[in-house]
Amino acid sequence: MPKVTFQGGPDPAITVEAEPGQTLLEIAEEHHVKMGSACGGVCACSSCHCWIRSGEASLEEATEREEDRMDMGFDVRPYSRLGCQVRVAQADLVVELTEESVTTWYNEHPEHRPG
């Protein structure tokens, strides 16, 4: 089983096993990782924007729809992807959460906001 490491954000890095075919957003939600999903994971926003730090070559290329949504994101980089669109293959991945995504998660879960 491939492993996905989520890093960045307010929590320590976490490495979890994933089923091939799961999206990064599904995995994040399953393991309580603070990845935003304002649209519910239907590629209608960019709140699950993340950076693939390792394992990117194993992933399918972004679709035109995903690239269009990335135009709405902040601090988009060549290794930026939407967590709702990235499906895990067989390789391990390292995923960095963006500030945009974590902020959206807290907006969706204000009861967990620190302070």
PDB file of N, CA and C in Angstrom:
ATOM      1  N   MET A   1       0.831  -1.184   0.000  1.00  0.00           N
ATOM      2  CA  MET A   1       0.000   0.000   0.000  1.00  0.00           C
ATOM      3  C   MET A   1       0.873   1.244   0.000  1.00  0.00           C
ATOM      4  N   PRO A   2       0.536   2.209  -0.846  1.00  0.00           N
ATOM      5  CA  PRO A   2       1.322   3.447  -0.841  1.00  0.00           C
ATOM      6  C   PRO A   2       1.086   4.244   0.446  1.00  0.00           C
ATOM      7  N   LYS A   3       2.069   5.041   0.781  1.00  0.00           N
ATOM      8  CA  LYS A   3       1.980   5.898   1.965  1.00  0.00           C
ATOM      9  C   LYS A   3       1.904   7.350   1.507  1.00  0.00           C
ATOM     10  N   VAL A   4       1.117   8.129   2.237  1.00  0.00           N
ATOM     11  CA  VAL A   4       1.004   9.560   1.976  1.00  0.00           C
ATOM     12  C   VAL A   4       1.399  10.289   3.246  1.00  0.00           C
ATOM     13  N   THR A   5       2.353  11.201   3.108  1.00  0.00           N
ATOM     14  CA  THR A   5       2.758  12.049   4.222  1.00  0.00           C
ATOM     15  C   THR A   5       2.189  13.436   3.985  1.00  0.00           C
ATOM     16  N   PHE A   6       1.435  13.921   4.963  1.00  0.00           N
ATOM     17  CA  PHE A   6       0.920  15.288   4.938  1.00  0.00           C
ATOM     18  C   PHE A   6       1.770  16.113   5.877  1.00  0.00           C
ATOM     19  N   GLN A   7       2.271  17.254   5.383  1.00  0.00           N
ATOM     20  CA  GLN A   7       3.089  18.142   6.203  1.00  0.00           C
ATOM     21  C   GLN A   7       2.616  19.571   5.993  1.00  0.00           C
ATOM     22  N   GLY A   8       3.115  20.456   6.831  1.00  0.00           N
ATOM     23  CA  GLY A   8       2.678  21.847   6.770  1.00  0.00           C
ATOM     24  C   GLY A   8       1.433  22.024   7.622  1.00  0.00           C
ATOM     25  N   GLY A   9       1.025  23.239   7.786  1.00  0.00           N
ATOM     26  CA  GLY A   9      -0.125  23.480   8.637  1.00  0.00           C
ATOM     27  C   GLY A   9       0.255  23.442  10.103  1.00  0.00           C
ATOM     28  N   PRO A  10      -0.744  23.448  10.972  1.00  0.00           N
ATOM     29  CA  PRO A  10      -0.480  23.571  12.404  1.00  0.00           C
ATOM     30  C   PRO A  10      -0.087  22.272  13.100  1.00  0.00           C
ATOM     31  N   ASP A  11      -0.328  21.141  12.467  1.00  0.00           N
ATOM     32  CA  ASP A  11      -0.082  19.851  13.109  1.00  0.00           C
ATOM     33  C   ASP A  11       1.245  19.258  12.648  1.00  0.00           C
ATOM     34  N   PRO A  12       1.804  18.340  13.450  1.00  0.00           N
ATOM     35  CA  PRO A  12       3.014  17.640  13.001  1.00  0.00           C
ATOM     36  C   PRO A  12       2.717  16.823  11.744  1.00  0.00           C
ATOM     37  N   ALA A  13       3.743  16.537  10.977  1.00  0.00           N
ATOM     38  CA  ALA A  13       3.572  15.704   9.783  1.00  0.00           C
ATOM     39  C   ALA A  13       2.982  14.360  10.189  1.00  0.00           C
ATOM     40  N   ILE A  14       2.149  13.808   9.302  1.00  0.00           N
ATOM     41  CA  ILE A  14       1.531  12.506   9.550  1.00  0.00           C
ATOM     42  C   ILE A  14       1.685  11.669   8.284  1.00  0.00           C
ATOM     43  N   THR A  15       2.067  10.417   8.458  1.00  0.00           N
ATOM     44  CA  THR A  15       2.183   9.482   7.341  1.00  0.00           C
ATOM     45  C   THR A  15       1.137   8.394   7.527  1.00  0.00           C
ATOM     46  N   VAL A  16       0.349   8.171   6.479  1.00  0.00           N
ATOM     47  CA  VAL A  16      -0.734   7.190   6.544  1.00  0.00           C
ATOM     48  C   VAL A  16      -0.699   6.300   5.312  1.00  0.00           C
ATOM     49  N   GLU A  17      -1.267   5.109   5.428  1.00  0.00           N
ATOM     50  CA  GLU A  17      -1.405   4.235   4.275  1.00  0.00           C
ATOM     51  C   GLU A  17      -2.651   4.638   3.505  1.00  0.00           C
ATOM     52  N   ALA A  18      -2.591   4.475   2.192  1.00  0.00           N
ATOM     53  CA  ALA A  18      -3.706   4.860   1.331  1.00  0.00           C
ATOM     54  C   ALA A  18      -4.001   3.739   0.348  1.00  0.00           C
ATOM     55  N   GLU A  19      -5.239   3.660  -0.059  1.00  0.00           N
ATOM     56  CA  GLU A  19      -5.637   2.725  -1.108  1.00  0.00           C
ATOM     57  C   GLU A  19      -5.406   3.396  -2.455  1.00  0.00           C
ATOM     58  N   PRO A  20      -4.780   2.715  -3.400  1.00  0.00           N
ATOM     59  CA  PRO A  20      -4.670   3.295  -4.737  1.00  0.00           C
ATOM     60  C   PRO A  20      -6.063   3.678  -5.246  1.00  0.00           C
ATOM     61  N   GLY A  21      -6.147   4.860  -5.823  1.00  0.00           N
ATOM     62  CA  GLY A  21      -7.418   5.362  -6.333  1.00  0.00           C
ATOM     63  C   GLY A  21      -8.101   6.353  -5.406  1.00  0.00           C
ATOM     64  N   GLN A  22      -7.708   6.375  -4.133  1.00  0.00           N
ATOM     65  CA  GLN A  22      -8.266   7.375  -3.229  1.00  0.00           C
ATOM     66  C   GLN A  22      -7.727   8.751  -3.585  1.00  0.00           C
ATOM     67  N   THR A  23      -8.544   9.772  -3.365  1.00  0.00           N
ATOM     68  CA  THR A  23      -8.040  11.135  -3.569  1.00  0.00           C
ATOM     69  C   THR A  23      -7.327  11.597  -2.304  1.00  0.00           C
ATOM     70  N   LEU A  24      -6.459  12.575  -2.468  1.00  0.00           N
ATOM     71  CA  LEU A  24      -5.770  13.133  -1.305  1.00  0.00           C
ATOM     72  C   LEU A  24      -6.773  13.720  -0.326  1.00  0.00           C
ATOM     73  N   LEU A  25      -7.834  14.334  -0.828  1.00  0.00           N
ATOM     74  CA  LEU A  25      -8.851  14.906   0.054  1.00  0.00           C
ATOM     75  C   LEU A  25      -9.539  13.812   0.860  1.00  0.00           C
ATOM     76  N   GLU A  26      -9.887  12.707   0.236  1.00  0.00           N
ATOM     77  CA  GLU A  26     -10.515  11.595   0.960  1.00  0.00           C
ATOM     78  C   GLU A  26      -9.597  11.087   2.071  1.00  0.00           C
ATOM     79  N   ILE A  27      -8.325  10.951   1.753  1.00  0.00           N
ATOM     80  CA  ILE A  27      -7.352  10.465   2.731  1.00  0.00           C
ATOM     81  C   ILE A  27      -7.213  11.473   3.869  1.00  0.00           C
ATOM     82  N   ALA A  28      -7.117  12.760   3.519  1.00  0.00           N
ATOM     83  CA  ALA A  28      -6.993  13.807   4.535  1.00  0.00           C
ATOM     84  C   ALA A  28      -8.197  13.786   5.478  1.00  0.00           C
ATOM     85  N   GLU A  29      -9.390  13.707   4.919  1.00  0.00           N
ATOM     86  CA  GLU A  29     -10.591  13.699   5.762  1.00  0.00           C
ATOM     87  C   GLU A  29     -10.631  12.462   6.657  1.00  0.00           C
ATOM     88  N   GLU A  30     -10.246  11.325   6.116  1.00  0.00           N
ATOM     89  CA  GLU A  30     -10.247  10.072   6.874  1.00  0.00           C
ATOM     90  C   GLU A  30      -9.311  10.141   8.077  1.00  0.00           C
ATOM     91  N   HIS A  31      -8.221  10.912   7.949  1.00  0.00           N
ATOM     92  CA  HIS A  31      -7.205  10.971   9.003  1.00  0.00           C
ATOM     93  C   HIS A  31      -7.164  12.331   9.714  1.00  0.00           C
ATOM     94  N   HIS A  32      -8.218  13.114   9.565  1.00  0.00           N
ATOM     95  CA  HIS A  32      -8.374  14.392  10.270  1.00  0.00           C
ATOM     96  C   HIS A  32      -7.253  15.386   9.973  1.00  0.00           C
ATOM     97  N   VAL A  33      -6.793  15.375   8.730  1.00  0.00           N
ATOM     98  CA  VAL A  33      -5.790  16.333   8.279  1.00  0.00           C
ATOM     99  C   VAL A  33      -6.537  17.601   7.846  1.00  0.00           C
ATOM    100  N   LYS A  34      -5.999  18.747   8.173  1.00  0.00           N
ATOM    101  CA  LYS A  34      -6.671  20.024   7.936  1.00  0.00           C
ATOM    102  C   LYS A  34      -6.518  20.508   6.490  1.00  0.00           C
ATOM    103  N   MET A  35      -7.174  19.793   5.563  1.00  0.00           N
ATOM    104  CA  MET A  35      -7.216  20.177   4.154  1.00  0.00           C
ATOM    105  C   MET A  35      -8.625  20.696   3.866  1.00  0.00           C
ATOM    106  N   GLY A  36      -8.717  21.939   3.406  1.00  0.00           N
ATOM    107  CA  GLY A  36     -10.013  22.543   3.129  1.00  0.00           C
ATOM    108  C   GLY A  36     -10.743  21.864   1.983  1.00  0.00           C
ATOM    109  N   SER A  37     -12.065  22.023   2.007  1.00  0.00           N
ATOM    110  CA  SER A  37     -12.880  21.462   0.919  1.00  0.00           C
ATOM    111  C   SER A  37     -14.191  22.235   0.824  1.00  0.00           C
ATOM    112  N   ALA A  38     -14.094  23.512   0.519  1.00  0.00           N
ATOM    113  CA  ALA A  38     -15.272  24.373   0.488  1.00  0.00           C
ATOM    114  C   ALA A  38     -16.357  23.863  -0.452  1.00  0.00           C
ATOM    115  N   CYS A  39     -15.977  23.215  -1.546  1.00  0.00           N
ATOM    116  CA  CYS A  39     -16.971  22.743  -2.525  1.00  0.00           C
ATOM    117  C   CYS A  39     -17.359  21.288  -2.294  1.00  0.00           C
ATOM    118  N   GLY A  40     -16.795  20.674  -1.265  1.00  0.00           N
ATOM    119  CA  GLY A  40     -17.106  19.273  -0.998  1.00  0.00           C
ATOM    120  C   GLY A  40     -16.340  18.300  -1.871  1.00  0.00           C
ATOM    121  N   GLY A  41     -15.300  18.775  -2.531  1.00  0.00           N
ATOM    122  CA  GLY A  41     -14.455  17.878  -3.318  1.00  0.00           C
ATOM    123  C   GLY A  41     -14.929  17.614  -4.726  1.00  0.00           C
ATOM    124  N   VAL A  42     -15.626  18.577  -5.327  1.00  0.00           N
ATOM    125  CA  VAL A  42     -16.139  18.381  -6.690  1.00  0.00           C
ATOM    126  C   VAL A  42     -15.428  19.261  -7.720  1.00  0.00           C
ATOM    127  N   CYS A  43     -14.251  19.753  -7.384  1.00  0.00           N
ATOM    128  CA  CYS A  43     -13.438  20.566  -8.297  1.00  0.00           C
ATOM    129  C   CYS A  43     -14.167  21.836  -8.731  1.00  0.00           C
ATOM    130  N   ALA A  44     -14.804  22.487  -7.753  1.00  0.00           N
ATOM    131  CA  ALA A  44     -15.498  23.739  -8.043  1.00  0.00           C
ATOM    132  C   ALA A  44     -14.836  24.931  -7.356  1.00  0.00           C
ATOM    133  N   CYS A  45     -13.718  24.695  -6.672  1.00  0.00           N
ATOM    134  CA  CYS A  45     -12.992  25.785  -6.016  1.00  0.00           C
ATOM    135  C   CYS A  45     -11.510  25.397  -5.988  1.00  0.00           C
ATOM    136  N   SER A  46     -10.735  26.062  -5.175  1.00  0.00           N
ATOM    137  CA  SER A  46      -9.313  25.699  -5.050  1.00  0.00           C
ATOM    138  C   SER A  46      -8.909  25.555  -3.591  1.00  0.00           C
ATOM    139  N   SER A  47      -9.870  25.320  -2.706  1.00  0.00           N
ATOM    140  CA  SER A  47      -9.560  25.301  -1.280  1.00  0.00           C
ATOM    141  C   SER A  47      -8.757  24.086  -0.830  1.00  0.00           C
ATOM    142  N   CYS A  48      -8.670  23.039  -1.642  1.00  0.00           N
ATOM    143  CA  CYS A  48      -7.850  21.869  -1.295  1.00  0.00           C
ATOM    144  C   CYS A  48      -6.489  21.914  -2.006  1.00  0.00           C
ATOM    145  N   HIS A  49      -6.122  23.107  -2.457  1.00  0.00           N
ATOM    146  CA  HIS A  49      -4.829  23.314  -3.131  1.00  0.00           C
ATOM    147  C   HIS A  49      -3.700  22.846  -2.209  1.00  0.00           C
ATOM    148  N   CYS A  50      -2.817  22.032  -2.746  1.00  0.00           N
ATOM    149  CA  CYS A  50      -1.664  21.551  -1.992  1.00  0.00           C
ATOM    150  C   CYS A  50      -0.471  21.459  -2.933  1.00  0.00           C
ATOM    151  N   TRP A  51       0.692  21.223  -2.342  1.00  0.00           N
ATOM    152  CA  TRP A  51       1.914  21.076  -3.123  1.00  0.00           C
ATOM    153  C   TRP A  51       2.393  19.635  -2.995  1.00  0.00           C
ATOM    154  N   ILE A  52       2.651  19.002  -4.116  1.00  0.00           N
ATOM    155  CA  ILE A  52       3.196  17.640  -4.124  1.00  0.00           C
ATOM    156  C   ILE A  52       4.714  17.767  -4.050  1.00  0.00           C
ATOM    157  N   ARG A  53       5.271  17.403  -2.915  1.00  0.00           N
ATOM    158  CA  ARG A  53       6.708  17.556  -2.676  1.00  0.00           C
ATOM    159  C   ARG A  53       7.518  16.339  -3.117  1.00  0.00           C
ATOM    160  N   SER A  54       6.861  15.181  -3.206  1.00  0.00           N
ATOM    161  CA  SER A  54       7.558  13.969  -3.617  1.00  0.00           C
ATOM    162  C   SER A  54       6.538  12.985  -4.175  1.00  0.00           C
ATOM    163  N   GLY A  55       6.914  12.298  -5.243  1.00  0.00           N
ATOM    164  CA  GLY A  55       6.053  11.293  -5.844  1.00  0.00           C
ATOM    165  C   GLY A  55       5.184  11.794  -6.983  1.00  0.00           C
ATOM    166  N   GLU A  56       5.388  13.018  -7.395  1.00  0.00           N
ATOM    167  CA  GLU A  56       4.540  13.631  -8.422  1.00  0.00           C
ATOM    168  C   GLU A  56       4.549  12.851  -9.738  1.00  0.00           C
ATOM    169  N   ALA A  57       5.680  12.252 -10.080  1.00  0.00           N
ATOM    170  CA  ALA A  57       5.788  11.532 -11.359  1.00  0.00           C
ATOM    171  C   ALA A  57       4.845  10.340 -11.440  1.00  0.00           C
ATOM    172  N   SER A  58       4.391   9.834 -10.284  1.00  0.00           N
ATOM    173  CA  SER A  58       3.496   8.670 -10.278  1.00  0.00           C
ATOM    174  C   SER A  58       2.041   9.044 -10.530  1.00  0.00           C
ATOM    175  N   LEU A  59       1.745  10.336 -10.515  1.00  0.00           N
ATOM    176  CA  LEU A  59       0.354  10.788 -10.612  1.00  0.00           C
ATOM    177  C   LEU A  59      -0.058  11.070 -12.048  1.00  0.00           C
ATOM    178  N   GLU A  60      -1.355  10.926 -12.301  1.00  0.00           N
ATOM    179  CA  GLU A  60      -1.874  11.347 -13.594  1.00  0.00           C
ATOM    180  C   GLU A  60      -1.744  12.861 -13.691  1.00  0.00           C
ATOM    181  N   GLU A  61      -1.606  13.353 -14.906  1.00  0.00           N
ATOM    182  CA  GLU A  61      -1.503  14.798 -15.097  1.00  0.00           C
ATOM    183  C   GLU A  61      -2.814  15.473 -14.734  1.00  0.00           C
ATOM    184  N   ALA A  62      -2.724  16.731 -14.365  1.00  0.00           N
ATOM    185  CA  ALA A  62      -3.916  17.508 -14.045  1.00  0.00           C
ATOM    186  C   ALA A  62      -4.786  17.645 -15.287  1.00  0.00           C
ATOM    187  N   THR A  63      -6.088  17.578 -15.079  1.00  0.00           N
ATOM    188  CA  THR A  63      -7.023  17.786 -16.184  1.00  0.00           C
ATOM    189  C   THR A  63      -7.154  19.279 -16.457  1.00  0.00           C
ATOM    190  N   GLU A  64      -7.740  19.606 -17.575  1.00  0.00           N
ATOM    191  CA  GLU A  64      -7.968  21.014 -17.903  1.00  0.00           C
ATOM    192  C   GLU A  64      -8.867  21.664 -16.857  1.00  0.00           C
ATOM    193  N   ARG A  65      -9.848  20.912 -16.380  1.00  0.00           N
ATOM    194  CA  ARG A  65     -10.755  21.443 -15.347  1.00  0.00           C
ATOM    195  C   ARG A  65      -9.980  21.776 -14.077  1.00  0.00           C
ATOM    196  N   GLU A  66      -9.093  20.858 -13.653  1.00  0.00           N
ATOM    197  CA  GLU A  66      -8.291  21.125 -12.465  1.00  0.00           C
ATOM    198  C   GLU A  66      -7.398  22.346 -12.683  1.00  0.00           C
ATOM    199  N   GLU A  67      -6.767  22.434 -13.828  1.00  0.00           N
ATOM    200  CA  GLU A  67      -5.907  23.585 -14.113  1.00  0.00           C
ATOM    201  C   GLU A  67      -6.698  24.889 -14.097  1.00  0.00           C
ATOM    202  N   ASP A  68      -7.932  24.859 -14.611  1.00  0.00           N
ATOM    203  CA  ASP A  68      -8.783  26.055 -14.572  1.00  0.00           C
ATOM    204  C   ASP A  68      -9.060  26.476 -13.138  1.00  0.00           C
ATOM    205  N   ARG A  69      -9.319  25.514 -12.267  1.00  0.00           N
ATOM    206  CA  ARG A  69      -9.576  25.819 -10.852  1.00  0.00           C
ATOM    207  C   ARG A  69      -8.307  26.317 -10.159  1.00  0.00           C
ATOM    208  N   MET A  70      -7.162  25.793 -10.579  1.00  0.00           N
ATOM    209  CA  MET A  70      -5.909  26.247  -9.966  1.00  0.00           C
ATOM    210  C   MET A  70      -5.679  27.732 -10.219  1.00  0.00           C
ATOM    211  N   ASP A  71      -6.257  28.254 -11.291  1.00  0.00           N
ATOM    212  CA  ASP A  71      -6.146  29.686 -11.568  1.00  0.00           C
ATOM    213  C   ASP A  71      -6.755  30.521 -10.447  1.00  0.00           C
ATOM    214  N   MET A  72      -7.630  29.909  -9.636  1.00  0.00           N
ATOM    215  CA  MET A  72      -8.269  30.605  -8.522  1.00  0.00           C
ATOM    216  C   MET A  72      -7.429  30.530  -7.248  1.00  0.00           C
ATOM    217  N   GLY A  73      -6.390  29.699  -7.253  1.00  0.00           N
ATOM    218  CA  GLY A  73      -5.599  29.453  -6.055  1.00  0.00           C
ATOM    219  C   GLY A  73      -4.582  30.554  -5.778  1.00  0.00           C
ATOM    220  N   PHE A  74      -4.053  30.527  -4.566  1.00  0.00           N
ATOM    221  CA  PHE A  74      -3.003  31.448  -4.147  1.00  0.00           C
ATOM    222  C   PHE A  74      -1.676  30.712  -4.117  1.00  0.00           C
ATOM    223  N   ASP A  75      -0.622  31.378  -4.498  1.00  0.00           N
ATOM    224  CA  ASP A  75       0.735  30.828  -4.454  1.00  0.00           C
ATOM    225  C   ASP A  75       0.834  29.511  -5.231  1.00  0.00           C
ATOM    226  N   VAL A  76       0.272  29.511  -6.431  1.00  0.00           N
ATOM    227  CA  VAL A  76       0.299  28.323  -7.288  1.00  0.00           C
ATOM    228  C   VAL A  76       1.721  28.132  -7.815  1.00  0.00           C
ATOM    229  N   ARG A  77       2.193  26.908  -7.737  1.00  0.00           N
ATOM    230  CA  ARG A  77       3.552  26.554  -8.146  1.00  0.00           C
ATOM    231  C   ARG A  77       3.486  25.417  -9.156  1.00  0.00           C
ATOM    232  N   PRO A  78       4.590  25.097  -9.808  1.00  0.00           N
ATOM    233  CA  PRO A  78       4.559  24.020 -10.814  1.00  0.00           C
ATOM    234  C   PRO A  78       4.109  22.665 -10.241  1.00  0.00           C
ATOM    235  N   TYR A  79       4.283  22.457  -8.963  1.00  0.00           N
ATOM    236  CA  TYR A  79       3.918  21.193  -8.321  1.00  0.00           C
ATOM    237  C   TYR A  79       2.622  21.319  -7.518  1.00  0.00           C
ATOM    238  N   SER A  80       1.822  22.346  -7.815  1.00  0.00           N
ATOM    239  CA  SER A  80       0.519  22.534  -7.176  1.00  0.00           C
ATOM    240  C   SER A  80      -0.506  21.586  -7.770  1.00  0.00           C
ATOM    241  N   ARG A  81      -1.361  21.071  -6.912  1.00  0.00           N
ATOM    242  CA  ARG A  81      -2.481  20.223  -7.345  1.00  0.00           C
ATOM    243  C   ARG A  81      -3.663  20.465  -6.410  1.00  0.00           C
ATOM    244  N   LEU A  82      -4.826  20.007  -6.835  1.00  0.00           N
ATOM    245  CA  LEU A  82      -6.008  20.040  -5.986  1.00  0.00           C
ATOM    246  C   LEU A  82      -6.173  18.668  -5.342  1.00  0.00           C
ATOM    247  N   GLY A  83      -6.282  18.652  -4.035  1.00  0.00           N
ATOM    248  CA  GLY A  83      -6.383  17.389  -3.309  1.00  0.00           C
ATOM    249  C   GLY A  83      -7.586  16.551  -3.708  1.00  0.00           C
ATOM    250  N   CYS A  84      -8.659  17.191  -4.164  1.00  0.00           N
ATOM    251  CA  CYS A  84      -9.851  16.433  -4.567  1.00  0.00           C
ATOM    252  C   CYS A  84      -9.673  15.754  -5.914  1.00  0.00           C
ATOM    253  N   GLN A  85      -8.658  16.127  -6.656  1.00  0.00           N
ATOM    254  CA  GLN A  85      -8.456  15.580  -7.999  1.00  0.00           C
ATOM    255  C   GLN A  85      -7.284  14.606  -8.094  1.00  0.00           C
ATOM    256  N   VAL A  86      -6.393  14.637  -7.131  1.00  0.00           N
ATOM    257  CA  VAL A  86      -5.220  13.759  -7.164  1.00  0.00           C
ATOM    258  C   VAL A  86      -5.602  12.397  -6.613  1.00  0.00           C
ATOM    259  N   ARG A  87      -5.466  11.385  -7.445  1.00  0.00           N
ATOM    260  CA  ARG A  87      -5.720  10.010  -7.017  1.00  0.00           C
ATOM    261  C   ARG A  87      -4.380   9.305  -6.814  1.00  0.00           C
ATOM    262  N   VAL A  88      -4.236   8.709  -5.649  1.00  0.00           N
ATOM    263  CA  VAL A  88      -3.003   8.009  -5.306  1.00  0.00           C
ATOM    264  C   VAL A  88      -2.819   6.823  -6.247  1.00  0.00           C
ATOM    265  N   ALA A  89      -1.591   6.658  -6.702  1.00  0.00           N
ATOM    266  CA  ALA A  89      -1.247   5.505  -7.539  1.00  0.00           C
ATOM    267  C   ALA A  89      -0.552   4.479  -6.635  1.00  0.00           C
ATOM    268  N   GLN A  90       0.571   3.961  -7.070  1.00  0.00           N
ATOM    269  CA  GLN A  90       1.297   2.958  -6.283  1.00  0.00           C
ATOM    270  C   GLN A  90       2.465   3.542  -5.486  1.00  0.00           C
ATOM    271  N   ALA A  91       2.871   4.758  -5.836  1.00  0.00           N
ATOM    272  CA  ALA A  91       4.050   5.342  -5.196  1.00  0.00           C
ATOM    273  C   ALA A  91       3.674   6.145  -3.955  1.00  0.00           C
ATOM    274  N   ASP A  92       4.639   6.257  -3.049  1.00  0.00           N
ATOM    275  CA  ASP A  92       4.459   7.099  -1.874  1.00  0.00           C
ATOM    276  C   ASP A  92       4.455   8.564  -2.295  1.00  0.00           C
ATOM    277  N   LEU A  93       3.741   9.386  -1.529  1.00  0.00           N
ATOM    278  CA  LEU A  93       3.641  10.821  -1.807  1.00  0.00           C
ATOM    279  C   LEU A  93       3.968  11.614  -0.555  1.00  0.00           C
ATOM    280  N   VAL A  94       4.537  12.787  -0.757  1.00  0.00           N
ATOM    281  CA  VAL A  94       4.675  13.781   0.304  1.00  0.00           C
ATOM    282  C   VAL A  94       3.901  15.006  -0.170  1.00  0.00           C
ATOM    283  N   VAL A  95       2.948  15.424   0.651  1.00  0.00           N
ATOM    284  CA  VAL A  95       2.025  16.495   0.306  1.00  0.00           C
ATOM    285  C   VAL A  95       2.151  17.595   1.340  1.00  0.00           C
ATOM    286  N   GLU A  96       2.348  18.826   0.874  1.00  0.00           N
ATOM    287  CA  GLU A  96       2.403  19.965   1.786  1.00  0.00           C
ATOM    288  C   GLU A  96       1.103  20.746   1.689  1.00  0.00           C
ATOM    289  N   LEU A  97       0.484  20.963   2.837  1.00  0.00           N
ATOM    290  CA  LEU A  97      -0.740  21.756   2.881  1.00  0.00           C
ATOM    291  C   LEU A  97      -0.399  23.222   2.690  1.00  0.00           C
ATOM    292  N   THR A  98      -1.232  23.925   1.957  1.00  0.00           N
ATOM    293  CA  THR A  98      -1.023  25.356   1.777  1.00  0.00           C
ATOM    294  C   THR A  98      -1.771  26.119   2.865  1.00  0.00           C
ATOM    295  N   GLU A  99      -1.333  27.336   3.122  1.00  0.00           N
ATOM    296  CA  GLU A  99      -2.009  28.193   4.094  1.00  0.00           C
ATOM    297  C   GLU A  99      -3.473  28.388   3.697  1.00  0.00           C
ATOM    298  N   GLU A 100      -3.719  28.551   2.405  1.00  0.00           N
ATOM    299  CA  GLU A 100      -5.080  28.716   1.877  1.00  0.00           C
ATOM    300  C   GLU A 100      -5.969  27.536   2.282  1.00  0.00           C
ATOM    301  N   SER A 101      -5.462  26.336   2.143  1.00  0.00           N
ATOM    302  CA  SER A 101      -6.239  25.144   2.444  1.00  0.00           C
ATOM    303  C   SER A 101      -6.520  25.020   3.940  1.00  0.00           C
ATOM    304  N   VAL A 102      -5.503  25.248   4.762  1.00  0.00           N
ATOM    305  CA  VAL A 102      -5.679  25.159   6.213  1.00  0.00           C
ATOM    306  C   VAL A 102      -6.653  26.229   6.694  1.00  0.00           C
ATOM    307  N   THR A 103      -6.543  27.446   6.177  1.00  0.00           N
ATOM    308  CA  THR A 103      -7.463  28.516   6.549  1.00  0.00           C
ATOM    309  C   THR A 103      -8.897  28.144   6.209  1.00  0.00           C
ATOM    310  N   THR A 104      -9.095  27.574   5.030  1.00  0.00           N
ATOM    311  CA  THR A 104     -10.437  27.141   4.640  1.00  0.00           C
ATOM    312  C   THR A 104     -10.945  26.068   5.591  1.00  0.00           C
ATOM    313  N   TRP A 105     -10.083  25.121   5.973  1.00  0.00           N
ATOM    314  CA  TRP A 105     -10.504  24.076   6.901  1.00  0.00           C
ATOM    315  C   TRP A 105     -10.993  24.692   8.210  1.00  0.00           C
ATOM    316  N   TYR A 106     -10.248  25.657   8.736  1.00  0.00           N
ATOM    317  CA  TYR A 106     -10.677  26.312   9.982  1.00  0.00           C
ATOM    318  C   TYR A 106     -11.975  27.092   9.780  1.00  0.00           C
ATOM    319  N   ASN A 107     -12.172  27.693   8.618  1.00  0.00           N
ATOM    320  CA  ASN A 107     -13.437  28.377   8.347  1.00  0.00           C
ATOM    321  C   ASN A 107     -14.594  27.385   8.325  1.00  0.00           C
ATOM    322  N   GLU A 108     -14.319  26.168   7.864  1.00  0.00           N
ATOM    323  CA  GLU A 108     -15.342  25.120   7.827  1.00  0.00           C
ATOM    324  C   GLU A 108     -15.553  24.474   9.199  1.00  0.00           C
ATOM    325  N   HIS A 109     -14.566  24.578  10.080  1.00  0.00           N
ATOM    326  CA  HIS A 109     -14.611  23.953  11.409  1.00  0.00           C
ATOM    327  C   HIS A 109     -14.205  24.986  12.473  1.00  0.00           C
ATOM    328  N   PRO A 110     -14.972  26.055  12.640  1.00  0.00           N
ATOM    329  CA  PRO A 110     -14.560  27.130  13.562  1.00  0.00           C
ATOM    330  C   PRO A 110     -14.409  26.670  15.009  1.00  0.00           C
ATOM    331  N   GLU A 111     -15.065  25.587  15.361  1.00  0.00           N
ATOM    332  CA  GLU A 111     -14.945  25.088  16.732  1.00  0.00           C
ATOM    333  C   GLU A 111     -13.544  24.570  17.042  1.00  0.00           C
ATOM    334  N   HIS A 112     -12.741  24.321  16.026  1.00  0.00           N
ATOM    335  CA  HIS A 112     -11.364  23.834  16.210  1.00  0.00           C
ATOM    336  C   HIS A 112     -10.315  24.938  16.069  1.00  0.00           C
ATOM    337  N   ARG A 113     -10.769  26.157  15.791  1.00  0.00           N
ATOM    338  CA  ARG A 113      -9.827  27.271  15.611  1.00  0.00           C
ATOM    339  C   ARG A 113      -9.118  27.560  16.930  1.00  0.00           C
ATOM    340  N   PRO A 114      -7.789  27.649  16.885  1.00  0.00           N
ATOM    341  CA  PRO A 114      -7.065  27.941  18.129  1.00  0.00           C
ATOM    342  C   PRO A 114      -7.322  29.373  18.601  1.00  0.00           C
ATOM    343  N   GLY A 115      -7.235  29.543  19.917  1.00  0.00           N
ATOM    344  CA  GLY A 115      -7.320  30.861  20.511  1.00  0.00           C
ATOM    345  C   GLY A 115      -8.677  31.389  20.486  1.00  0.00           C
TER     346      GLY A 115
END
